[in-house]
N, C-alpha and C. Protein backbone atom coordinates (compact mmCIF):
# COMPACT_ATOMS: atom_id res chain seq x y z
N MET A 1 30.59 -4.49 -4.83
CA MET A 1 29.24 -5.87 -4.37
C MET A 1 29.92 -7.21 -4.04
N LYS A 2 30.22 -7.17 -2.88
CA LYS A 2 31.10 -8.43 -2.63
C LYS A 2 30.20 -9.87 -2.82
N LYS A 3 31.35 -10.20 -3.14
CA LYS A 3 31.28 -11.93 -4.01
C LYS A 3 30.54 -12.88 -3.21
N ILE A 4 29.51 -13.80 -2.99
CA ILE A 4 28.98 -14.58 -2.19
C ILE A 4 30.00 -15.65 -2.33
N THR A 5 30.78 -16.01 -1.43
CA THR A 5 31.92 -17.30 -1.17
C THR A 5 31.16 -18.88 -0.89
N LYS A 6 30.03 -18.45 0.07
CA LYS A 6 29.85 -19.93 0.71
C LYS A 6 28.28 -19.76 1.06
N VAL A 7 27.64 -20.62 0.42
CA VAL A 7 26.17 -20.55 0.28
C VAL A 7 25.40 -21.19 1.83
N TYR A 8 26.19 -22.35 2.74
CA TYR A 8 25.50 -23.19 3.64
C TYR A 8 26.81 -22.21 4.71
N THR A 9 25.71 -22.03 5.79
CA THR A 9 26.52 -21.77 7.31
C THR A 9 26.51 -22.84 7.69
N ARG A 10 25.71 -23.29 8.32
CA ARG A 10 25.18 -24.80 9.17
C ARG A 10 24.99 -24.04 10.26
N SER A 11 24.96 -22.82 10.58
CA SER A 11 24.43 -21.89 11.64
C SER A 11 22.91 -22.24 11.74
N GLY A 12 22.06 -22.80 11.12
CA GLY A 12 20.81 -22.86 11.28
C GLY A 12 20.01 -23.91 11.25
N ASP A 13 21.01 -24.55 11.48
CA ASP A 13 20.79 -26.53 11.16
C ASP A 13 20.16 -26.69 12.58
N GLU A 14 19.92 -26.27 13.69
CA GLU A 14 18.73 -26.63 14.95
C GLU A 14 17.96 -25.62 14.66
N GLY A 15 17.44 -25.18 13.66
CA GLY A 15 15.88 -24.19 13.69
C GLY A 15 16.35 -23.26 13.90
N MET A 16 17.31 -22.12 14.49
CA MET A 16 17.85 -20.82 14.47
C MET A 16 18.22 -20.06 13.62
N THR A 17 18.13 -19.02 13.67
CA THR A 17 18.67 -17.79 12.83
C THR A 17 18.75 -16.58 13.47
N SER A 18 19.84 -15.84 12.73
CA SER A 18 20.00 -14.31 13.38
C SER A 18 19.45 -13.42 12.30
N LEU A 19 18.62 -12.08 13.43
CA LEU A 19 18.45 -11.09 12.80
C LEU A 19 19.32 -10.18 12.43
N VAL A 20 19.14 -9.19 11.69
CA VAL A 20 19.55 -8.07 11.88
C VAL A 20 20.48 -7.51 13.08
N GLY A 21 21.58 -7.35 13.13
CA GLY A 21 22.04 -7.07 14.44
C GLY A 21 22.15 -8.25 15.63
N GLY A 22 22.51 -9.33 14.37
CA GLY A 22 23.04 -10.85 15.43
C GLY A 22 21.97 -11.21 16.53
N GLN A 23 20.73 -11.31 16.65
CA GLN A 23 19.89 -11.75 17.89
C GLN A 23 19.23 -13.24 16.99
N ARG A 24 19.72 -14.38 18.03
CA ARG A 24 19.22 -15.37 17.80
C ARG A 24 17.43 -15.71 17.81
N VAL A 25 17.00 -16.27 16.96
CA VAL A 25 15.44 -16.37 16.77
C VAL A 25 15.15 -17.51 16.63
N SER A 26 14.16 -18.56 16.48
CA SER A 26 13.43 -19.62 16.05
C SER A 26 13.22 -19.46 14.65
N LYS A 27 12.93 -19.94 13.70
CA LYS A 27 12.88 -20.01 12.43
C LYS A 27 11.02 -20.08 12.10
N ALA A 28 10.57 -20.31 13.50
CA ALA A 28 9.54 -20.48 13.65
C ALA A 28 8.70 -19.52 13.78
N SER A 29 8.94 -18.40 14.51
CA SER A 29 8.91 -16.94 14.84
C SER A 29 8.16 -16.42 13.84
N VAL A 30 7.27 -15.53 14.47
CA VAL A 30 6.10 -14.72 13.35
C VAL A 30 7.00 -13.69 12.83
N ARG A 31 8.13 -13.16 13.57
CA ARG A 31 9.15 -12.22 12.54
C ARG A 31 9.36 -12.94 11.18
N LEU A 32 9.60 -14.40 11.81
CA LEU A 32 10.47 -14.85 10.46
C LEU A 32 9.38 -15.33 9.62
N GLU A 33 8.09 -15.47 9.92
CA GLU A 33 7.59 -15.89 8.89
C GLU A 33 6.61 -14.73 8.65
N SER A 34 6.59 -13.52 8.99
CA SER A 34 6.41 -12.16 8.11
C SER A 34 7.28 -11.65 6.56
N TYR A 35 8.59 -11.98 7.30
CA TYR A 35 9.80 -11.53 6.34
C TYR A 35 9.62 -12.77 5.22
N GLY A 36 9.18 -13.90 5.69
CA GLY A 36 9.70 -14.98 5.13
C GLY A 36 8.10 -15.09 4.06
N THR A 37 7.19 -14.49 4.06
CA THR A 37 6.31 -14.44 3.35
C THR A 37 6.79 -13.10 2.23
N ILE A 38 7.43 -12.24 2.75
CA ILE A 38 7.60 -11.13 2.15
C ILE A 38 8.21 -11.80 0.92
N ASP A 39 9.45 -12.22 1.37
CA ASP A 39 10.72 -13.17 0.12
C ASP A 39 9.30 -14.01 -0.56
N GLU A 40 8.84 -15.02 -0.30
CA GLU A 40 7.93 -15.46 -1.05
C GLU A 40 7.12 -14.74 -2.09
N LEU A 41 6.55 -13.66 -1.69
CA LEU A 41 5.76 -12.68 -2.31
C LEU A 41 6.75 -12.43 -3.55
N SER A 42 7.89 -12.07 -3.29
CA SER A 42 9.08 -11.59 -3.95
C SER A 42 9.28 -12.31 -5.08
N SER A 43 9.32 -14.04 -4.85
CA SER A 43 9.58 -14.43 -5.75
C SER A 43 8.53 -14.99 -7.19
N HIS A 44 7.13 -14.61 -6.41
CA HIS A 44 5.90 -14.78 -7.03
C HIS A 44 5.82 -13.38 -7.66
N LEU A 45 6.57 -12.49 -7.62
CA LEU A 45 6.83 -11.04 -8.58
C LEU A 45 7.42 -11.67 -9.40
N GLY A 46 8.48 -11.98 -9.13
CA GLY A 46 9.40 -12.75 -10.32
C GLY A 46 8.85 -13.29 -11.35
N LEU A 47 8.00 -14.27 -10.77
CA LEU A 47 7.41 -15.30 -11.77
C LEU A 47 6.11 -13.85 -13.04
N LEU A 48 6.03 -13.46 -12.39
CA LEU A 48 4.85 -12.62 -13.02
C LEU A 48 5.52 -11.40 -13.63
N ALA A 49 6.79 -11.30 -13.08
CA ALA A 49 7.33 -10.34 -14.27
C ALA A 49 7.96 -11.30 -15.49
N ALA A 50 8.88 -12.34 -15.49
CA ALA A 50 8.54 -12.81 -16.37
C ALA A 50 7.73 -13.27 -16.80
N LEU A 51 6.09 -13.18 -17.29
CA LEU A 51 5.19 -13.31 -17.85
C LEU A 51 4.56 -12.40 -18.34
N LEU A 52 5.36 -10.89 -17.81
CA LEU A 52 5.11 -9.48 -18.69
C LEU A 52 5.94 -9.41 -19.67
N PRO A 53 5.43 -8.42 -20.96
CA PRO A 53 6.17 -8.05 -22.20
C PRO A 53 6.92 -6.74 -21.49
N ASP A 54 7.90 -6.27 -22.07
CA ASP A 54 8.47 -5.30 -21.62
C ASP A 54 7.84 -4.21 -21.59
N GLY A 55 8.35 -3.08 -20.17
CA GLY A 55 7.02 -1.77 -20.44
C GLY A 55 7.21 -1.70 -18.68
N ASP A 56 6.20 -0.76 -19.32
CA ASP A 56 5.97 0.13 -17.48
C ASP A 56 5.47 -0.83 -16.28
N ASP A 57 4.45 -1.85 -16.97
CA ASP A 57 4.15 -2.78 -15.58
C ASP A 57 5.20 -3.76 -14.88
N LYS A 58 6.00 -4.00 -15.94
CA LYS A 58 7.35 -4.78 -15.83
C LYS A 58 8.19 -4.08 -14.97
N GLU A 59 8.83 -2.98 -15.17
CA GLU A 59 9.55 -2.20 -13.94
C GLU A 59 8.68 -1.72 -12.99
N MET A 60 7.84 -1.38 -13.29
CA MET A 60 7.19 -1.15 -11.83
C MET A 60 7.27 -2.21 -10.69
N ILE A 61 7.36 -3.40 -11.30
CA ILE A 61 7.41 -5.11 -10.36
C ILE A 61 8.75 -4.73 -10.40
N PHE A 62 9.55 -4.87 -10.76
CA PHE A 62 10.79 -4.76 -10.36
C PHE A 62 11.06 -3.60 -9.50
N ARG A 63 10.43 -2.65 -9.30
CA ARG A 63 10.56 -1.69 -8.42
C ARG A 63 10.00 -1.98 -7.49
N ILE A 64 9.30 -2.96 -7.18
CA ILE A 64 8.36 -3.18 -6.06
C ILE A 64 9.07 -4.11 -5.75
N GLN A 65 10.02 -5.12 -6.09
CA GLN A 65 10.73 -6.51 -5.80
C GLN A 65 11.66 -5.76 -4.90
N ASN A 66 12.40 -4.52 -5.06
CA ASN A 66 13.46 -3.75 -4.67
C ASN A 66 12.74 -3.36 -3.23
N ASN A 67 11.92 -2.46 -3.67
CA ASN A 67 11.03 -2.18 -2.07
C ASN A 67 10.97 -3.32 -1.50
N LEU A 68 10.67 -4.31 -1.23
CA LEU A 68 10.37 -5.57 -0.94
C LEU A 68 11.45 -5.98 0.42
N PHE A 69 12.66 -6.06 -0.67
CA PHE A 69 13.95 -5.93 0.17
C PHE A 69 14.01 -5.47 1.29
N ASN A 70 13.62 -3.72 1.08
CA ASN A 70 13.59 -3.01 2.31
C ASN A 70 12.61 -3.45 3.35
N VAL A 71 11.78 -3.90 2.92
CA VAL A 71 10.71 -4.35 3.51
C VAL A 71 11.29 -5.70 4.60
N CYS A 72 11.65 -6.32 3.73
CA CYS A 72 12.62 -7.63 4.58
C CYS A 72 13.65 -7.42 5.98
N THR A 73 14.58 -6.28 5.20
CA THR A 73 15.23 -5.61 6.06
C THR A 73 14.31 -5.21 7.47
N ASN A 74 13.63 -4.39 7.71
CA ASN A 74 12.86 -4.03 8.01
C ASN A 74 11.95 -5.01 9.31
N LEU A 75 11.59 -5.98 8.73
CA LEU A 75 11.11 -7.03 9.51
C LEU A 75 12.05 -7.45 10.27
N ALA A 76 13.34 -7.69 9.91
CA ALA A 76 14.22 -8.30 10.25
C ALA A 76 14.97 -7.88 11.32
N THR A 77 14.65 -6.96 11.78
CA THR A 77 15.36 -6.19 12.45
C THR A 77 14.56 -5.81 14.04
N ASP A 78 15.01 -5.96 15.30
CA ASP A 78 14.19 -6.19 16.13
C ASP A 78 14.69 -4.77 16.80
N GLN A 79 13.45 -4.00 16.99
CA GLN A 79 13.74 -2.20 16.47
C GLN A 79 13.87 -2.54 18.10
N GLU A 80 13.41 -2.68 19.20
CA GLU A 80 13.86 -2.57 20.44
C GLU A 80 14.97 -3.20 20.51
N GLN A 81 16.11 -3.37 20.43
CA GLN A 81 17.44 -4.05 20.37
C GLN A 81 18.26 -3.30 19.51
N THR A 82 17.86 -2.83 17.74
CA THR A 82 18.95 -2.62 17.11
C THR A 82 17.82 -1.59 15.99
N PRO A 83 18.95 -0.47 15.82
CA PRO A 83 18.41 0.76 14.94
C PRO A 83 18.04 0.10 13.90
N LEU A 84 17.66 0.87 13.22
CA LEU A 84 17.31 -0.03 11.56
C LEU A 84 18.29 0.55 10.80
N TYR A 85 18.77 0.19 9.82
CA TYR A 85 19.75 0.62 8.99
C TYR A 85 18.49 1.48 7.92
N PRO A 86 19.69 2.22 7.29
CA PRO A 86 18.84 3.35 6.16
C PRO A 86 18.75 2.53 5.65
N SER A 87 18.60 1.38 4.82
CA SER A 87 18.41 0.37 4.12
C SER A 87 17.27 -0.24 4.43
N ALA A 88 16.63 -0.10 5.42
CA ALA A 88 15.38 -0.69 6.33
C ALA A 88 14.09 0.27 6.07
N HIS A 89 14.48 1.36 5.41
CA HIS A 89 13.15 2.40 5.44
C HIS A 89 13.10 2.66 3.66
N LEU A 90 11.62 2.51 3.42
CA LEU A 90 11.17 2.27 2.23
C LEU A 90 11.79 4.20 1.23
N PRO A 91 12.07 3.79 0.01
CA PRO A 91 12.27 5.30 -0.54
C PRO A 91 10.80 6.18 -0.23
N GLU A 92 11.36 7.20 -0.42
CA GLU A 92 10.33 8.50 -0.30
C GLU A 92 9.40 8.25 -1.54
N GLY A 93 8.17 8.19 -1.28
CA GLY A 93 7.14 8.26 -2.30
C GLY A 93 6.80 6.69 -2.18
N ALA A 94 7.37 5.64 -2.05
CA ALA A 94 6.80 4.32 -2.51
C ALA A 94 5.61 4.33 -2.17
N ILE A 95 4.77 4.38 -1.31
CA ILE A 95 3.37 4.29 -0.99
C ILE A 95 2.43 4.96 -2.10
N ALA A 96 2.92 6.69 -1.98
CA ALA A 96 2.31 7.38 -2.83
C ALA A 96 2.85 6.46 -4.33
N SER A 97 3.40 5.96 -5.13
CA SER A 97 3.71 5.84 -6.15
C SER A 97 2.68 4.32 -6.31
N LEU A 98 2.16 3.62 -5.66
CA LEU A 98 1.28 2.60 -5.51
C LEU A 98 -0.07 3.24 -5.49
N GLU A 99 -0.23 4.26 -5.11
CA GLU A 99 -1.72 4.58 -4.99
C GLU A 99 -1.99 5.24 -6.54
N GLN A 100 -0.79 5.96 -6.87
CA GLN A 100 -0.74 6.70 -7.97
C GLN A 100 -1.45 5.75 -9.14
N GLU A 101 -0.66 4.32 -9.28
CA GLU A 101 -0.55 3.45 -10.53
C GLU A 101 -2.47 2.79 -10.35
N VAL A 102 -2.61 2.64 -8.74
CA VAL A 102 -4.10 1.99 -8.57
C VAL A 102 -4.71 3.05 -9.13
N ASP A 103 -4.69 4.61 -9.22
CA ASP A 103 -5.62 5.58 -9.41
C ASP A 103 -5.70 5.57 -11.40
N ALA A 104 -4.73 5.13 -11.46
CA ALA A 104 -4.17 5.73 -13.12
C ALA A 104 -4.60 4.34 -13.45
N ILE A 105 -5.14 2.65 -12.88
CA ILE A 105 -5.31 1.42 -13.51
C ILE A 105 -6.64 1.87 -13.35
N MET A 106 -7.56 1.94 -12.19
CA MET A 106 -9.13 2.61 -12.00
C MET A 106 -9.50 3.25 -13.37
N LYS A 107 -8.80 4.21 -13.74
CA LYS A 107 -9.22 5.44 -15.16
C LYS A 107 -9.38 4.70 -16.20
N MET A 108 -8.90 3.70 -16.20
CA MET A 108 -8.93 2.92 -17.73
C MET A 108 -9.86 1.93 -17.69
N LEU A 109 -10.05 1.45 -16.67
CA LEU A 109 -10.81 -0.06 -16.76
C LEU A 109 -12.28 0.27 -16.55
N PRO A 110 -13.12 -0.11 -17.48
CA PRO A 110 -14.63 -0.47 -17.30
C PRO A 110 -14.94 -0.78 -15.99
N GLU A 111 -16.10 -0.09 -15.54
CA GLU A 111 -16.96 -0.01 -14.35
C GLU A 111 -17.65 -1.48 -14.58
N LYS A 112 -16.99 -2.31 -13.22
CA LYS A 112 -17.84 -3.60 -13.23
C LYS A 112 -18.16 -3.74 -11.87
N GLN A 113 -19.51 -4.69 -11.81
CA GLN A 113 -19.87 -5.02 -10.14
C GLN A 113 -19.65 -6.32 -10.09
N GLY A 114 -19.50 -6.62 -8.92
CA GLY A 114 -19.44 -7.84 -8.26
C GLY A 114 -17.92 -8.38 -8.15
N PHE A 115 -18.17 -9.68 -7.33
CA PHE A 115 -16.93 -9.97 -7.00
C PHE A 115 -15.92 -11.17 -8.21
N ILE A 116 -14.66 -11.06 -8.65
CA ILE A 116 -14.50 -11.92 -9.39
C ILE A 116 -13.54 -12.92 -9.34
N LEU A 117 -13.91 -13.60 -10.04
CA LEU A 117 -12.97 -15.13 -9.54
C LEU A 117 -11.32 -14.80 -10.45
N PRO A 118 -10.56 -15.14 -9.70
CA PRO A 118 -9.05 -14.76 -9.80
C PRO A 118 -9.03 -15.83 -11.12
N GLY A 119 -8.31 -15.51 -11.66
CA GLY A 119 -7.90 -15.99 -13.30
C GLY A 119 -7.83 -14.97 -14.25
N GLY A 120 -8.09 -15.33 -15.66
CA GLY A 120 -7.79 -15.02 -16.89
C GLY A 120 -6.87 -15.24 -17.45
N THR A 121 -5.80 -14.29 -17.85
CA THR A 121 -4.64 -14.91 -18.68
C THR A 121 -3.74 -15.36 -17.71
N GLN A 122 -2.90 -16.02 -17.89
CA GLN A 122 -1.64 -16.30 -17.11
C GLN A 122 -1.17 -15.33 -16.41
N ALA A 123 -1.09 -13.81 -16.47
CA ALA A 123 0.04 -13.15 -15.99
C ALA A 123 -1.14 -12.68 -14.91
N ALA A 124 -2.14 -12.50 -15.37
CA ALA A 124 -3.51 -11.72 -14.65
C ALA A 124 -3.89 -12.97 -13.72
N ALA A 125 -3.93 -14.58 -13.91
CA ALA A 125 -3.92 -15.12 -12.55
C ALA A 125 -2.41 -15.17 -11.68
N GLN A 126 -1.16 -14.75 -12.15
CA GLN A 126 0.03 -14.90 -11.54
C GLN A 126 -0.24 -13.56 -10.51
N ALA A 127 -0.76 -12.35 -11.07
CA ALA A 127 -1.02 -11.27 -10.49
C ALA A 127 -2.32 -11.49 -8.96
N HIS A 128 -3.31 -12.34 -9.16
CA HIS A 128 -4.17 -12.94 -8.28
C HIS A 128 -2.92 -13.57 -6.95
N VAL A 129 -2.29 -14.71 -7.38
CA VAL A 129 -1.64 -15.36 -6.90
C VAL A 129 -1.03 -14.43 -5.60
N CYS A 130 0.06 -13.40 -6.36
CA CYS A 130 0.99 -12.41 -5.66
C CYS A 130 0.06 -11.48 -4.51
N ARG A 131 -1.10 -11.61 -5.35
CA ARG A 131 -2.23 -10.79 -4.03
C ARG A 131 -2.47 -11.27 -2.74
N THR A 132 -3.12 -12.66 -3.01
CA THR A 132 -3.08 -12.97 -2.35
C THR A 132 -2.24 -13.46 -1.21
N VAL A 133 -0.80 -14.08 -1.82
CA VAL A 133 0.24 -13.93 -0.80
C VAL A 133 0.63 -12.52 -0.51
N CYS A 134 0.48 -11.29 -0.65
CA CYS A 134 0.74 -9.82 -0.38
C CYS A 134 -0.68 -10.22 1.10
N ARG A 135 -1.78 -10.36 0.84
CA ARG A 135 -2.14 -10.29 1.93
C ARG A 135 -2.11 -11.04 3.48
N ARG A 136 -1.15 -12.46 2.68
CA ARG A 136 -0.82 -12.96 3.85
C ARG A 136 -0.12 -12.35 4.85
N ALA A 137 0.72 -11.90 3.96
CA ALA A 137 1.98 -11.45 4.62
C ALA A 137 1.63 -10.03 5.42
N GLU A 138 0.39 -9.72 4.76
CA GLU A 138 -0.06 -8.03 5.86
C GLU A 138 -0.49 -8.96 7.21
N ARG A 139 -1.20 -10.06 7.10
CA ARG A 139 -1.91 -10.78 8.11
C ARG A 139 -0.30 -11.12 9.01
N ARG A 140 0.46 -11.47 8.83
CA ARG A 140 1.89 -11.94 9.67
C ARG A 140 2.33 -10.55 10.31
N ILE A 141 2.36 -9.27 9.52
CA ILE A 141 3.13 -8.45 9.70
C ILE A 141 2.24 -7.60 11.09
N VAL A 142 0.78 -7.81 10.79
CA VAL A 142 -0.31 -7.35 11.73
C VAL A 142 0.21 -8.20 13.41
N GLU A 143 0.24 -9.57 13.18
CA GLU A 143 0.81 -10.41 14.23
C GLU A 143 2.09 -10.14 14.82
N LEU A 144 3.08 -9.96 14.24
CA LEU A 144 4.56 -9.28 15.03
C LEU A 144 4.08 -8.02 15.43
N ALA A 145 2.92 -6.80 14.64
CA ALA A 145 3.40 -5.68 15.17
C ALA A 145 2.20 -5.67 16.87
N ALA A 146 1.51 -7.09 17.19
CA ALA A 146 1.05 -6.97 17.98
C ALA A 146 1.93 -7.33 19.79
N THR A 147 3.25 -7.41 19.18
CA THR A 147 4.19 -8.31 20.09
C THR A 147 5.48 -7.64 19.52
N ALA A 148 5.62 -6.62 18.98
CA ALA A 148 7.37 -5.75 18.50
C ALA A 148 6.88 -4.82 18.06
N LYS A 149 7.64 -4.20 18.24
CA LYS A 149 8.08 -2.65 17.41
C LYS A 149 7.81 -3.02 16.26
N THR A 150 7.22 -2.03 15.16
CA THR A 150 7.13 -2.17 13.50
C THR A 150 6.92 -0.99 13.43
N SER A 151 7.91 -0.99 11.81
CA SER A 151 7.52 0.30 11.28
C SER A 151 6.01 0.62 10.65
N PRO A 152 5.46 1.34 10.72
CA PRO A 152 3.54 1.59 10.41
C PRO A 152 3.99 1.35 8.57
N GLU A 153 4.79 2.16 7.81
CA GLU A 153 5.18 2.64 6.39
C GLU A 153 4.97 0.90 6.26
N VAL A 154 5.99 -0.14 6.72
CA VAL A 154 6.07 -0.94 6.14
C VAL A 154 4.40 -1.97 5.67
N LEU A 155 3.49 -1.74 7.05
CA LEU A 155 1.90 -2.41 6.85
C LEU A 155 1.29 -1.39 5.80
N GLN A 156 1.54 -0.35 5.70
CA GLN A 156 1.04 0.55 4.93
C GLN A 156 1.14 -0.49 3.20
N TYR A 157 2.40 0.29 3.19
CA TYR A 157 3.32 -0.41 1.57
C TYR A 157 2.77 -1.77 1.20
N VAL A 158 2.55 -2.46 2.21
CA VAL A 158 2.18 -4.01 2.14
C VAL A 158 0.74 -3.95 1.63
N ASN A 159 -0.36 -3.19 2.31
CA ASN A 159 -1.90 -2.75 2.65
C ASN A 159 -1.70 -2.37 0.75
N ARG A 160 -0.98 -1.45 0.64
CA ARG A 160 -1.23 -0.79 -0.84
C ARG A 160 -0.92 -1.54 -1.71
N LEU A 161 0.24 -2.49 -1.57
CA LEU A 161 0.67 -2.96 -2.92
C LEU A 161 -0.32 -4.33 -3.10
N SER A 162 -1.57 -4.87 -1.53
CA SER A 162 -2.36 -6.30 -2.15
C SER A 162 -3.16 -5.56 -3.04
N ASP A 163 -3.71 -4.14 -2.90
CA ASP A 163 -4.43 -3.72 -4.18
C ASP A 163 -4.28 -3.13 -5.33
N TYR A 164 -2.65 -2.87 -5.43
CA TYR A 164 -2.09 -2.35 -7.00
C TYR A 164 -2.08 -3.95 -7.50
N LEU A 165 -2.01 -5.41 -6.87
CA LEU A 165 -1.36 -6.35 -7.54
C LEU A 165 -3.15 -6.82 -7.96
N PHE A 166 -4.33 -6.39 -7.57
CA PHE A 166 -5.38 -6.66 -7.70
C PHE A 166 -5.99 -5.69 -8.74
N VAL A 167 -6.06 -4.70 -8.82
CA VAL A 167 -6.33 -3.99 -10.36
C VAL A 167 -5.15 -4.46 -11.39
N LEU A 168 -3.95 -4.41 -10.96
CA LEU A 168 -2.60 -4.98 -12.23
C LEU A 168 -3.38 -6.22 -12.73
N SER A 169 -4.29 -7.03 -11.89
CA SER A 169 -4.71 -8.28 -12.97
C SER A 169 -5.90 -8.06 -13.45
N LYS A 170 -6.48 -6.98 -13.41
CA LYS A 170 -7.84 -6.26 -13.78
C LYS A 170 -7.12 -5.57 -15.06
N LYS A 171 -6.51 -5.02 -15.15
CA LYS A 171 -5.91 -4.27 -16.40
C LYS A 171 -5.23 -5.66 -16.97
N LEU A 172 -4.73 -6.18 -16.46
CA LEU A 172 -3.78 -7.66 -17.89
C LEU A 172 -4.44 -8.44 -18.30
N ASN A 173 -5.54 -8.68 -17.77
CA ASN A 173 -7.35 -8.97 -18.72
C ASN A 173 -7.58 -8.02 -18.96
N PHE A 174 -8.16 -7.04 -19.03
CA PHE A 174 -8.81 -5.90 -20.22
C PHE A 174 -7.60 -5.71 -21.29
N MET A 175 -6.38 -5.50 -20.97
CA MET A 175 -5.64 -4.98 -22.33
C MET A 175 -5.46 -6.22 -23.04
N ALA A 176 -5.36 -7.99 -22.63
CA ALA A 176 -5.76 -9.04 -22.98
C ALA A 176 -7.00 -9.45 -24.30
N GLY A 177 -8.59 -8.76 -23.41
CA GLY A 177 -9.11 -8.57 -23.73
C GLY A 177 -10.22 -9.83 -23.57
N CYS A 178 -9.39 -10.45 -22.20
CA CYS A 178 -9.90 -11.63 -21.99
C CYS A 178 -11.18 -10.92 -20.54
N SER A 179 -12.16 -11.15 -20.95
CA SER A 179 -13.32 -10.59 -20.04
C SER A 179 -13.34 -11.64 -18.74
N GLU A 180 -13.20 -10.93 -17.44
CA GLU A 180 -13.41 -11.32 -16.32
C GLU A 180 -14.56 -12.33 -15.44
N LYS A 181 -14.40 -13.61 -14.78
CA LYS A 181 -15.45 -14.17 -14.31
C LYS A 181 -16.13 -13.61 -13.26
N ILE A 182 -17.56 -13.12 -13.11
CA ILE A 182 -17.82 -12.73 -12.34
C ILE A 182 -18.38 -13.77 -11.11
N TRP A 183 -18.38 -14.14 -9.65
CA TRP A 183 -18.76 -14.80 -8.90
C TRP A 183 -20.26 -14.88 -9.21
N GLN A 184 -20.65 -16.18 -9.09
CA GLN A 184 -22.03 -16.14 -8.85
C GLN A 184 -22.91 -16.83 -7.64
N ASN A 185 -23.80 -16.33 -7.05
CA ASN A 185 -24.10 -16.91 -5.84
C ASN A 185 -25.42 -18.09 -6.25
N VAL A 186 -25.00 -19.10 -5.97
CA VAL A 186 -25.79 -20.13 -6.36
C VAL A 186 -26.70 -20.25 -5.38
N CYS A 187 -26.87 -19.84 -4.11
CA CYS A 187 -27.40 -19.89 -2.74
C CYS A 187 -28.41 -19.12 -3.03
N LYS A 188 -29.09 -18.63 -4.01
CA LYS A 188 -29.89 -17.30 -4.11
C LYS A 188 -31.58 -17.66 -3.86
């Protein structure tokens, strides 16, 4: 692995940056917003991982963070001008893995009805923060896909990821014996 010898380049000082392939775009573009939000999500996932004990859930978060690097590479590539690098593709089975995790968690949880208020344990609350950032990333990717070629697998992965983060928050609360708060519609 190549050592980073310089962090700043000054090439972005006027609000422009380079995509994969070298095209220069505004840092305010929807493309930058989409993969920047994925980067933000990965940082929030890092905090979630720091709150989790060693084990399967933490390892899953690390796999997801690795996959999000692939997602960022994909979104940082203008596919109409630059072919996708192999690293821009998600690993085989990445979407199915999320679906399997969701299904496994749902089987272990007691069935409850109603909308839940985000919160509970610190880790579960952070999983909810991750879920909401993931949903924002999904909205940005949908916006990008309206005007640029995007890989359908990226949107599918991000959509499943938000589902996984929702059920993970429920699992973390359940495992800690922390009851979830159900939304009470006070306007009845």
